[in-house]
Amino acid sequence: MKVKTGKCHSMPTMLKNGKIELAEQWEWTSGDFSKGESLLVEV
């Protein structure tokens, strides 16, 4: 098993249908130090 560290900034939004959406910007602080964005929507 390999352990990696990172950081993430999440911006929550309440949608009109009452569900929560998280817009995230993340970055690994170990390994390849890659960055990215994710959009998570409650189902």
PDB file of N, CA and C in Angstrom:
ATOM      1  N   MET A   1       0.844  -1.180   0.000  1.00  0.00           N
ATOM      2  CA  MET A   1       0.000   0.000   0.000  1.00  0.00           C
ATOM      3  C   MET A   1       0.885   1.238   0.000  1.00  0.00           C
ATOM      4  N   LYS A   2       0.507   2.237  -0.799  1.00  0.00           N
ATOM      5  CA  LYS A   2       1.249   3.481  -0.908  1.00  0.00           C
ATOM      6  C   LYS A   2       0.382   4.622  -0.377  1.00  0.00           C
ATOM      7  N   VAL A   3       0.954   5.473   0.453  1.00  0.00           N
ATOM      8  CA  VAL A   3       0.236   6.608   1.017  1.00  0.00           C
ATOM      9  C   VAL A   3       0.662   7.873   0.282  1.00  0.00           C
ATOM     10  N   LYS A   4      -0.317   8.677  -0.127  1.00  0.00           N
ATOM     11  CA  LYS A   4      -0.035   9.959  -0.766  1.00  0.00           C
ATOM     12  C   LYS A   4      -0.719  11.049   0.041  1.00  0.00           C
ATOM     13  N   THR A   5      -0.173  12.255  -0.029  1.00  0.00           N
ATOM     14  CA  THR A   5      -0.783  13.397   0.639  1.00  0.00           C
ATOM     15  C   THR A   5      -1.218  14.414  -0.405  1.00  0.00           C
ATOM     16  N   GLY A   6      -2.189  15.236  -0.035  1.00  0.00           N
ATOM     17  CA  GLY A   6      -2.675  16.252  -0.952  1.00  0.00           C
ATOM     18  C   GLY A   6      -3.511  17.272  -0.223  1.00  0.00           C
ATOM     19  N   LYS A   7      -3.975  18.249  -0.977  1.00  0.00           N
ATOM     20  CA  LYS A   7      -4.861  19.262  -0.415  1.00  0.00           C
ATOM     21  C   LYS A   7      -5.994  19.509  -1.399  1.00  0.00           C
ATOM     22  N   CYS A   8      -7.132  19.933  -0.843  1.00  0.00           N
ATOM     23  CA  CYS A   8      -8.321  20.143  -1.666  1.00  0.00           C
ATOM     24  C   CYS A   8      -9.111  21.319  -1.113  1.00  0.00           C
ATOM     25  N   HIS A   9      -9.561  22.187  -2.015  1.00  0.00           N
ATOM     26  CA  HIS A   9     -10.440  23.301  -1.645  1.00  0.00           C
ATOM     27  C   HIS A   9     -11.792  23.014  -2.283  1.00  0.00           C
ATOM     28  N   SER A  10     -12.838  22.908  -1.453  1.00  0.00           N
ATOM     29  CA  SER A  10     -14.187  22.599  -1.938  1.00  0.00           C
ATOM     30  C   SER A  10     -15.102  23.790  -1.752  1.00  0.00           C
ATOM     31  N   MET A  11     -15.889  24.107  -2.796  1.00  0.00           N
ATOM     32  CA  MET A  11     -16.864  25.190  -2.733  1.00  0.00           C
ATOM     33  C   MET A  11     -18.259  24.568  -2.863  1.00  0.00           C
ATOM     34  N   PRO A  12     -19.024  24.487  -1.748  1.00  0.00           N
ATOM     35  CA  PRO A  12     -20.349  23.874  -1.816  1.00  0.00           C
ATOM     36  C   PRO A  12     -21.398  24.832  -2.381  1.00  0.00           C
ATOM     37  N   THR A  13     -22.346  24.268  -3.121  1.00  0.00           N
ATOM     38  CA  THR A  13     -23.475  25.016  -3.662  1.00  0.00           C
ATOM     39  C   THR A  13     -24.738  24.195  -3.439  1.00  0.00           C
ATOM     40  N   MET A  14     -25.811  24.839  -2.983  1.00  0.00           N
ATOM     41  CA  MET A  14     -27.092  24.173  -2.844  1.00  0.00           C
ATOM     42  C   MET A  14     -27.844  24.343  -4.155  1.00  0.00           C
ATOM     43  N   LEU A  15     -28.188  23.238  -4.804  1.00  0.00           N
ATOM     44  CA  LEU A  15     -28.900  23.274  -6.073  1.00  0.00           C
ATOM     45  C   LEU A  15     -30.387  23.510  -5.845  1.00  0.00           C
ATOM     46  N   LYS A  16     -31.108  23.922  -6.900  1.00  0.00           N
ATOM     47  CA  LYS A  16     -32.549  24.199  -6.795  1.00  0.00           C
ATOM     48  C   LYS A  16     -33.341  22.981  -6.352  1.00  0.00           C
ATOM     49  N   ASN A  17     -32.835  21.784  -6.679  1.00  0.00           N
ATOM     50  CA  ASN A  17     -33.542  20.559  -6.294  1.00  0.00           C
ATOM     51  C   ASN A  17     -33.217  20.124  -4.860  1.00  0.00           C
ATOM     52  N   GLY A  18     -32.453  20.942  -4.112  1.00  0.00           N
ATOM     53  CA  GLY A  18     -32.140  20.662  -2.719  1.00  0.00           C
ATOM     54  C   GLY A  18     -30.887  19.834  -2.506  1.00  0.00           C
ATOM     55  N   LYS A  19     -30.258  19.393  -3.575  1.00  0.00           N
ATOM     56  CA  LYS A  19     -29.046  18.589  -3.454  1.00  0.00           C
ATOM     57  C   LYS A  19     -27.811  19.491  -3.398  1.00  0.00           C
ATOM     58  N   ILE A  20     -26.718  18.928  -2.922  1.00  0.00           N
ATOM     59  CA  ILE A  20     -25.473  19.688  -2.755  1.00  0.00           C
ATOM     60  C   ILE A  20     -24.500  19.346  -3.880  1.00  0.00           C
ATOM     61  N   GLU A  21     -23.826  20.372  -4.388  1.00  0.00           N
ATOM     62  CA  GLU A  21     -22.780  20.219  -5.404  1.00  0.00           C
ATOM     63  C   GLU A  21     -21.479  20.762  -4.806  1.00  0.00           C
ATOM     64  N   LEU A  22     -20.381  20.036  -5.004  1.00  0.00           N
ATOM     65  CA  LEU A  22     -19.071  20.491  -4.545  1.00  0.00           C
ATOM     66  C   LEU A  22     -18.160  20.695  -5.751  1.00  0.00           C
ATOM     67  N   ALA A  23     -17.698  21.919  -5.957  1.00  0.00           N
ATOM     68  CA  ALA A  23     -16.692  22.218  -6.972  1.00  0.00           C
ATOM     69  C   ALA A  23     -15.353  22.219  -6.246  1.00  0.00           C
ATOM     70  N   GLU A  24     -14.443  21.316  -6.656  1.00  0.00           N
ATOM     71  CA  GLU A  24     -13.192  21.137  -5.932  1.00  0.00           C
ATOM     72  C   GLU A  24     -11.974  21.412  -6.802  1.00  0.00           C
ATOM     73  N   GLN A  25     -10.983  22.027  -6.204  1.00  0.00           N
ATOM     74  CA  GLN A  25      -9.657  22.184  -6.812  1.00  0.00           C
ATOM     75  C   GLN A  25      -8.703  21.444  -5.895  1.00  0.00           C
ATOM     76  N   TRP A  26      -7.971  20.476  -6.440  1.00  0.00           N
ATOM     77  CA  TRP A  26      -7.111  19.632  -5.627  1.00  0.00           C
ATOM     78  C   TRP A  26      -5.698  19.581  -6.179  1.00  0.00           C
ATOM     79  N   GLU A  27      -4.785  19.196  -5.307  1.00  0.00           N
ATOM     80  CA  GLU A  27      -3.370  19.104  -5.681  1.00  0.00           C
ATOM     81  C   GLU A  27      -2.689  18.070  -4.789  1.00  0.00           C
ATOM     82  N   TRP A  28      -1.949  17.151  -5.396  1.00  0.00           N
ATOM     83  CA  TRP A  28      -1.138  16.218  -4.628  1.00  0.00           C
ATOM     84  C   TRP A  28       0.079  16.955  -4.093  1.00  0.00           C
ATOM     85  N   THR A  29       0.419  16.715  -2.833  1.00  0.00           N
ATOM     86  CA  THR A  29       1.615  17.323  -2.231  1.00  0.00           C
ATOM     87  C   THR A  29       2.722  16.289  -2.090  1.00  0.00           C
ATOM     88  N   SER A  30       2.554  15.160  -2.742  1.00  0.00           N
ATOM     89  CA  SER A  30       3.570  14.111  -2.820  1.00  0.00           C
ATOM     90  C   SER A  30       3.390  13.398  -4.161  1.00  0.00           C
ATOM     91  N   GLY A  31       4.273  12.469  -4.463  1.00  0.00           N
ATOM     92  CA  GLY A  31       4.147  11.743  -5.725  1.00  0.00           C
ATOM     93  C   GLY A  31       4.445  12.641  -6.913  1.00  0.00           C
ATOM     94  N   ASP A  32       3.491  12.721  -7.867  1.00  0.00           N
ATOM     95  CA  ASP A  32       3.738  13.496  -9.094  1.00  0.00           C
ATOM     96  C   ASP A  32       3.314  14.966  -8.995  1.00  0.00           C
ATOM     97  N   PHE A  33       2.774  15.396  -7.858  1.00  0.00           N
ATOM     98  CA  PHE A  33       2.388  16.797  -7.614  1.00  0.00           C
ATOM     99  C   PHE A  33       1.375  17.325  -8.638  1.00  0.00           C
ATOM    100  N   SER A  34       0.575  16.437  -9.221  1.00  0.00           N
ATOM    101  CA  SER A  34      -0.416  16.867 -10.210  1.00  0.00           C
ATOM    102  C   SER A  34      -1.537  17.660  -9.541  1.00  0.00           C
ATOM    103  N   LYS A  35      -2.278  18.414 -10.360  1.00  0.00           N
ATOM    104  CA  LYS A  35      -3.394  19.251  -9.920  1.00  0.00           C
ATOM    105  C   LYS A  35      -4.606  18.912 -10.774  1.00  0.00           C
ATOM    106  N   GLY A  36      -5.779  19.262 -10.272  1.00  0.00           N
ATOM    107  CA  GLY A  36      -6.974  19.041 -11.070  1.00  0.00           C
ATOM    108  C   GLY A  36      -8.198  19.651 -10.434  1.00  0.00           C
ATOM    109  N   GLU A  37      -9.318  19.444 -11.102  1.00  0.00           N
ATOM    110  CA  GLU A  37     -10.607  19.935 -10.631  1.00  0.00           C
ATOM    111  C   GLU A  37     -11.601  18.795 -10.707  1.00  0.00           C
ATOM    112  N   SER A  38     -12.520  18.776  -9.744  1.00  0.00           N
ATOM    113  CA  SER A  38     -13.578  17.766  -9.711  1.00  0.00           C
ATOM    114  C   SER A  38     -14.891  18.449  -9.392  1.00  0.00           C
ATOM    115  N   LEU A  39     -15.979  17.881  -9.900  1.00  0.00           N
ATOM    116  CA  LEU A  39     -17.311  18.357  -9.598  1.00  0.00           C
ATOM    117  C   LEU A  39     -18.089  17.171  -9.046  1.00  0.00           C
ATOM    118  N   LEU A  40     -18.492  17.256  -7.782  1.00  0.00           N
ATOM    119  CA  LEU A  40     -19.244  16.188  -7.119  1.00  0.00           C
ATOM    120  C   LEU A  40     -20.662  16.650  -6.908  1.00  0.00           C
ATOM    121  N   VAL A  41     -21.626  15.822  -7.308  1.00  0.00           N
ATOM    122  CA  VAL A  41     -23.047  16.172  -7.158  1.00  0.00           C
ATOM    123  C   VAL A  41     -23.733  15.063  -6.378  1.00  0.00           C
ATOM    124  N   GLU A  42     -24.470  15.450  -5.368  1.00  0.00           N
ATOM    125  CA  GLU A  42     -25.219  14.493  -4.553  1.00  0.00           C
ATOM    126  C   GLU A  42     -26.242  13.760  -5.429  1.00  0.00           C
ATOM    127  N   VAL A  43     -26.352  12.445  -5.218  1.00  0.00           N
ATOM    128  CA  VAL A  43     -27.351  11.672  -5.978  1.00  0.00           C
ATOM    129  C   VAL A  43     -28.530  11.321  -5.120  1.00  0.00           C
TER     130      VAL A  43
END
